[in-house]
Amino acid sequence: MPELNRVEMIRNRLEAEFKPAELDIIDESHLHAGHSGHGGAGHFQVRIVTDKFSERSTLERHRMVYAALDDLMQTEIHALGIKAMTPSEIP
């Protein structure tokens, strides 16, 4: 699947679930080209800012993101770095 489509799928899922104030998705798949073990799935970094993370631990926030991307984690995403914040935590 083309990488742009993966980014769009991730964006659509996260926007629908969290209505984020900010959302950045970086495709780092090109940095891992030729590495074995990822079966063609992509590597991504996500920075998401939403009020829905208020009073949630880092672990809970990450679990929420993984849940929103559920089946994509099995097929389209091999590795996902997550920076999950509330608007008041933006530096």
C-alpha atoms as a PDB file:
ATOM      1  CA  MET A   1       0.000   0.000   0.000  1.00  0.00           C
ATOM      2  CA  PRO A   2       1.369   3.462  -0.826  1.00  0.00           C
ATOM      3  CA  GLU A   3       2.789   5.254   2.204  1.00  0.00           C
ATOM      4  CA  LEU A   4       0.594   8.332   1.731  1.00  0.00           C
ATOM      5  CA  ASN A   5      -2.476   6.163   2.100  1.00  0.00           C
ATOM      6  CA  ARG A   6      -1.153   4.808   5.388  1.00  0.00           C
ATOM      7  CA  VAL A   7      -0.618   8.325   6.710  1.00  0.00           C
ATOM      8  CA  GLU A   8      -4.146   9.248   5.617  1.00  0.00           C
ATOM      9  CA  MET A   9      -5.580   6.150   7.299  1.00  0.00           C
ATOM     10  CA  ILE A  10      -3.759   6.951  10.548  1.00  0.00           C
ATOM     11  CA  ARG A  11      -4.853  10.602  10.376  1.00  0.00           C
ATOM     12  CA  ASN A  12      -8.484   9.690   9.696  1.00  0.00           C
ATOM     13  CA  ARG A  13      -8.616   7.257  12.616  1.00  0.00           C
ATOM     14  CA  LEU A  14      -6.970   9.598  15.105  1.00  0.00           C
ATOM     15  CA  GLU A  15      -8.998  12.638  14.047  1.00  0.00           C
ATOM     16  CA  ALA A  16     -12.260  10.692  14.321  1.00  0.00           C
ATOM     17  CA  GLU A  17     -11.409   9.286  17.749  1.00  0.00           C
ATOM     18  CA  PHE A  18      -9.708  12.254  19.423  1.00  0.00           C
ATOM     19  CA  LYS A  19     -10.645  15.475  17.570  1.00  0.00           C
ATOM     20  CA  PRO A  20      -7.083  16.657  18.218  1.00  0.00           C
ATOM     21  CA  ALA A  21      -6.032  20.273  18.518  1.00  0.00           C
ATOM     22  CA  GLU A  22      -2.787  19.240  16.803  1.00  0.00           C
ATOM     23  CA  LEU A  23      -1.785  16.096  14.940  1.00  0.00           C
ATOM     24  CA  ASP A  24       1.539  15.427  13.217  1.00  0.00           C
ATOM     25  CA  ILE A  25       2.336  12.133  11.536  1.00  0.00           C
ATOM     26  CA  ILE A  26       5.818  11.461  10.198  1.00  0.00           C
ATOM     27  CA  ASP A  27       6.439   8.471   7.960  1.00  0.00           C
ATOM     28  CA  GLU A  28       9.883   7.070   8.758  1.00  0.00           C
ATOM     29  CA  SER A  29       9.473   3.907   6.679  1.00  0.00           C
ATOM     30  CA  HIS A  30      12.222   4.947   4.258  1.00  0.00           C
ATOM     31  CA  LEU A  31      14.711   4.789   7.138  1.00  0.00           C
ATOM     32  CA  HIS A  32      13.955   1.094   7.569  1.00  0.00           C
ATOM     33  CA  ALA A  33      13.853  -0.024   3.934  1.00  0.00           C
ATOM     34  CA  GLY A  34      15.416  -3.417   3.502  1.00  0.00           C
ATOM     35  CA  HIS A  35      15.189  -4.349   7.181  1.00  0.00           C
ATOM     36  CA  SER A  36      13.717  -7.764   7.745  1.00  0.00           C
ATOM     37  CA  GLY A  37      10.791  -8.432  10.006  1.00  0.00           C
ATOM     38  CA  HIS A  38       8.352  -5.657   9.151  1.00  0.00           C
ATOM     39  CA  GLY A  39       6.659  -7.411   6.230  1.00  0.00           C
ATOM     40  CA  GLY A  40       6.170  -4.189   4.278  1.00  0.00           C
ATOM     41  CA  ALA A  41       4.332  -2.364   7.072  1.00  0.00           C
ATOM     42  CA  GLY A  42       5.417   1.177   7.912  1.00  0.00           C
ATOM     43  CA  HIS A  43       7.262   3.012  10.669  1.00  0.00           C
ATOM     44  CA  PHE A  44       5.618   6.186  11.948  1.00  0.00           C
ATOM     45  CA  GLN A  45       5.966   8.917  14.566  1.00  0.00           C
ATOM     46  CA  VAL A  46       2.759  10.505  15.864  1.00  0.00           C
ATOM     47  CA  ARG A  47       2.457  13.698  17.886  1.00  0.00           C
ATOM     48  CA  ILE A  48      -1.121  14.211  19.059  1.00  0.00           C
ATOM     49  CA  VAL A  49      -2.564  16.918  21.289  1.00  0.00           C
ATOM     50  CA  THR A  50      -6.073  16.513  22.674  1.00  0.00           C
ATOM     51  CA  ASP A  51      -8.121  17.225  25.778  1.00  0.00           C
ATOM     52  CA  LYS A  52      -9.122  13.546  25.793  1.00  0.00           C
ATOM     53  CA  PHE A  53      -5.747  12.761  27.389  1.00  0.00           C
ATOM     54  CA  SER A  54      -6.507  14.881  30.468  1.00  0.00           C
ATOM     55  CA  GLU A  55      -5.892  13.025  33.712  1.00  0.00           C
ATOM     56  CA  ARG A  56      -4.551   9.989  31.825  1.00  0.00           C
ATOM     57  CA  SER A  57      -1.120   8.468  32.350  1.00  0.00           C
ATOM     58  CA  THR A  58       1.324   8.120  29.475  1.00  0.00           C
ATOM     59  CA  LEU A  59       0.561   4.397  29.318  1.00  0.00           C
ATOM     60  CA  GLU A  60      -3.195   5.035  29.154  1.00  0.00           C
ATOM     61  CA  ARG A  61      -2.707   7.606  26.401  1.00  0.00           C
ATOM     62  CA  HIS A  62      -0.636   5.196  24.335  1.00  0.00           C
ATOM     63  CA  ARG A  63      -3.187   2.439  24.826  1.00  0.00           C
ATOM     64  CA  MET A  64      -5.912   4.820  23.619  1.00  0.00           C
ATOM     65  CA  VAL A  65      -3.940   5.574  20.442  1.00  0.00           C
ATOM     66  CA  TYR A  66      -3.229   1.880  19.830  1.00  0.00           C
ATOM     67  CA  ALA A  67      -6.923   1.076  20.322  1.00  0.00           C
ATOM     68  CA  ALA A  68      -7.919   3.739  17.778  1.00  0.00           C
ATOM     69  CA  LEU A  69      -5.514   2.230  15.242  1.00  0.00           C
ATOM     70  CA  ASP A  70      -6.446  -1.343  16.181  1.00  0.00           C
ATOM     71  CA  ASP A  71      -6.411  -3.325  12.907  1.00  0.00           C
ATOM     72  CA  LEU A  72      -3.854  -1.005  11.281  1.00  0.00           C
ATOM     73  CA  MET A  73      -1.385  -2.118  13.954  1.00  0.00           C
ATOM     74  CA  GLN A  74      -1.758  -5.663  12.635  1.00  0.00           C
ATOM     75  CA  THR A  75      -1.397  -4.855   8.949  1.00  0.00           C
ATOM     76  CA  GLU A  76      -0.119  -1.381   8.018  1.00  0.00           C
ATOM     77  CA  ILE A  77       1.967  -0.232  10.997  1.00  0.00           C
ATOM     78  CA  HIS A  78       5.087  -2.085  12.082  1.00  0.00           C
ATOM     79  CA  ALA A  79       6.419   0.546  14.476  1.00  0.00           C
ATOM     80  CA  LEU A  80       4.740   3.555  16.054  1.00  0.00           C
ATOM     81  CA  GLY A  81       6.334   6.240  18.186  1.00  0.00           C
ATOM     82  CA  ILE A  82       3.776   8.251  20.143  1.00  0.00           C
ATOM     83  CA  LYS A  83       3.988  11.664  21.781  1.00  0.00           C
ATOM     84  CA  ALA A  84       0.560  12.208  23.373  1.00  0.00           C
ATOM     85  CA  MET A  85      -0.181  15.484  25.175  1.00  0.00           C
ATOM     86  CA  THR A  86      -2.951  17.736  26.350  1.00  0.00           C
ATOM     87  CA  PRO A  87      -3.052  21.365  25.130  1.00  0.00           C
ATOM     88  CA  SER A  88      -1.778  22.554  28.519  1.00  0.00           C
ATOM     89  CA  GLU A  89       1.328  20.345  28.162  1.00  0.00           C
ATOM     90  CA  ILE A  90       2.557  21.876  24.916  1.00  0.00           C
ATOM     91  CA  PRO A  91       5.993  23.430  25.537  1.00  0.00           C
END
